[in-house]
Amino acid sequence: MWRNTSDPVRIGPVDARALAPMAVFFPHWSFTTLGIAVTGVLIFSVLAWFGLTLPVALRMLRVLIAGPVRRHIPAHKRRAYY
């Protein structure tokens, strides 16, 4: 009974967190907000398919942009990524 309690909630094949951009569409119905909501659902669905959450994806994007070297951290406190 408790086996799947840690699994993400799904509505059909889509992760329920991916449907959050639809909250933009429902209060204000127009084709522009529909496009924004569908694009957001697609982006979040792809992230969920790769097994990423939004904060993890943003951290990965930050590392791609800024690089793995963080100069403001002293050398003895830096993590060694092997």
C-alpha atoms as a PDB file:
ATOM      1  CA  MET A   1       0.000   0.000   0.000  1.00  0.00           C
ATOM      2  CA  TRP A   2       2.802   2.465   0.811  1.00  0.00           C
ATOM      3  CA  ARG A   3       5.050   1.382  -2.039  1.00  0.00           C
ATOM      4  CA  ASN A   4       4.319   4.257  -4.454  1.00  0.00           C
ATOM      5  CA  THR A   5       3.857   7.115  -1.986  1.00  0.00           C
ATOM      6  CA  SER A   6       7.139   8.778  -2.940  1.00  0.00           C
ATOM      7  CA  ASP A   7       6.409   8.684  -6.680  1.00  0.00           C
ATOM      8  CA  PRO A   8       5.382  11.972  -8.295  1.00  0.00           C
ATOM      9  CA  VAL A   9       1.692  12.523  -8.888  1.00  0.00           C
ATOM     10  CA  ARG A  10       0.690  11.927 -12.499  1.00  0.00           C
ATOM     11  CA  ILE A  11      -2.375  13.031 -14.412  1.00  0.00           C
ATOM     12  CA  GLY A  12      -2.349  10.597 -17.297  1.00  0.00           C
ATOM     13  CA  PRO A  13       1.167  10.440 -18.735  1.00  0.00           C
ATOM     14  CA  VAL A  14       2.090  13.962 -17.523  1.00  0.00           C
ATOM     15  CA  ASP A  15       3.613  14.849 -14.171  1.00  0.00           C
ATOM     16  CA  ALA A  16       1.156  16.967 -12.173  1.00  0.00           C
ATOM     17  CA  ARG A  17       3.806  19.629 -11.497  1.00  0.00           C
ATOM     18  CA  ALA A  18       4.154  20.094 -15.244  1.00  0.00           C
ATOM     19  CA  LEU A  19       0.539  21.250 -15.408  1.00  0.00           C
ATOM     20  CA  ALA A  20       1.248  24.307 -13.218  1.00  0.00           C
ATOM     21  CA  PRO A  21       1.549  26.644 -16.259  1.00  0.00           C
ATOM     22  CA  MET A  22      -2.077  25.858 -17.038  1.00  0.00           C
ATOM     23  CA  ALA A  23      -2.906  28.049 -14.032  1.00  0.00           C
ATOM     24  CA  VAL A  24      -1.910  30.977 -16.268  1.00  0.00           C
ATOM     25  CA  PHE A  25      -4.373  29.936 -18.943  1.00  0.00           C
ATOM     26  CA  PHE A  26      -7.508  29.238 -16.901  1.00  0.00           C
ATOM     27  CA  PRO A  27      -8.059  32.740 -15.405  1.00  0.00           C
ATOM     28  CA  HIS A  28      -7.425  34.523 -18.722  1.00  0.00           C
ATOM     29  CA  TRP A  29      -8.501  32.573 -21.796  1.00  0.00           C
ATOM     30  CA  SER A  30      -6.705  33.686 -24.941  1.00  0.00           C
ATOM     31  CA  PHE A  31      -4.515  32.113 -27.594  1.00  0.00           C
ATOM     32  CA  THR A  32      -1.436  33.858 -26.212  1.00  0.00           C
ATOM     33  CA  THR A  33      -1.836  32.414 -22.721  1.00  0.00           C
ATOM     34  CA  LEU A  34      -2.712  29.039 -24.240  1.00  0.00           C
ATOM     35  CA  GLY A  35       0.606  29.113 -26.121  1.00  0.00           C
ATOM     36  CA  ILE A  36       2.483  30.070 -22.960  1.00  0.00           C
ATOM     37  CA  ALA A  37       0.779  27.303 -20.982  1.00  0.00           C
ATOM     38  CA  VAL A  38       1.340  24.597 -23.617  1.00  0.00           C
ATOM     39  CA  THR A  39       4.991  25.613 -23.994  1.00  0.00           C
ATOM     40  CA  GLY A  40       5.459  25.496 -20.217  1.00  0.00           C
ATOM     41  CA  VAL A  41       3.800  22.080 -19.984  1.00  0.00           C
ATOM     42  CA  LEU A  42       6.066  20.763 -22.741  1.00  0.00           C
ATOM     43  CA  ILE A  43       9.212  22.123 -21.087  1.00  0.00           C
ATOM     44  CA  PHE A  44       8.284  20.725 -17.660  1.00  0.00           C
ATOM     45  CA  SER A  45       7.283  17.398 -19.202  1.00  0.00           C
ATOM     46  CA  VAL A  46      10.664  17.076 -20.908  1.00  0.00           C
ATOM     47  CA  LEU A  47      12.416  17.914 -17.625  1.00  0.00           C
ATOM     48  CA  ALA A  48      10.326  15.301 -15.816  1.00  0.00           C
ATOM     49  CA  TRP A  49      11.112  12.751 -18.525  1.00  0.00           C
ATOM     50  CA  PHE A  50      14.823  13.331 -17.900  1.00  0.00           C
ATOM     51  CA  GLY A  51      14.193  12.992 -14.156  1.00  0.00           C
ATOM     52  CA  LEU A  52      14.978  16.622 -13.321  1.00  0.00           C
ATOM     53  CA  THR A  53      13.147  19.138 -11.208  1.00  0.00           C
ATOM     54  CA  LEU A  54      13.137  22.845 -12.006  1.00  0.00           C
ATOM     55  CA  PRO A  55      15.743  23.818  -9.353  1.00  0.00           C
ATOM     56  CA  VAL A  56      18.111  21.065 -10.519  1.00  0.00           C
ATOM     57  CA  ALA A  57      17.696  22.107 -14.163  1.00  0.00           C
ATOM     58  CA  LEU A  58      18.396  25.745 -13.270  1.00  0.00           C
ATOM     59  CA  ARG A  59      21.554  24.719 -11.398  1.00  0.00           C
ATOM     60  CA  MET A  60      22.715  22.729 -14.404  1.00  0.00           C
ATOM     61  CA  LEU A  61      22.045  25.756 -16.627  1.00  0.00           C
ATOM     62  CA  ARG A  62      24.030  27.958 -14.228  1.00  0.00           C
ATOM     63  CA  VAL A  63      27.003  25.583 -14.396  1.00  0.00           C
ATOM     64  CA  LEU A  64      26.815  25.561 -18.202  1.00  0.00           C
ATOM     65  CA  ILE A  65      26.792  29.362 -18.338  1.00  0.00           C
ATOM     66  CA  ALA A  66      29.227  30.227 -15.526  1.00  0.00           C
ATOM     67  CA  GLY A  67      31.378  27.121 -15.512  1.00  0.00           C
ATOM     68  CA  PRO A  68      32.165  24.757 -12.659  1.00  0.00           C
ATOM     69  CA  VAL A  69      34.846  27.000 -11.068  1.00  0.00           C
ATOM     70  CA  ARG A  70      33.485  29.113  -8.209  1.00  0.00           C
ATOM     71  CA  ARG A  71      36.227  31.579  -7.347  1.00  0.00           C
ATOM     72  CA  HIS A  72      34.579  33.118  -4.281  1.00  0.00           C
ATOM     73  CA  ILE A  73      34.953  29.869  -2.327  1.00  0.00           C
ATOM     74  CA  PRO A  74      38.330  29.273  -0.647  1.00  0.00           C
ATOM     75  CA  ALA A  75      40.393  26.433  -2.104  1.00  0.00           C
ATOM     76  CA  HIS A  76      40.163  24.279   1.032  1.00  0.00           C
ATOM     77  CA  LYS A  77      36.338  24.381   0.929  1.00  0.00           C
ATOM     78  CA  ARG A  78      35.864  23.608  -2.771  1.00  0.00           C
ATOM     79  CA  ARG A  79      34.318  20.309  -3.758  1.00  0.00           C
ATOM     80  CA  ALA A  80      36.329  17.957  -5.908  1.00  0.00           C
ATOM     81  CA  TYR A  81      34.123  16.787  -8.780  1.00  0.00           C
ATOM     82  CA  TYR A  82      35.740  13.620 -10.042  1.00  0.00           C
END
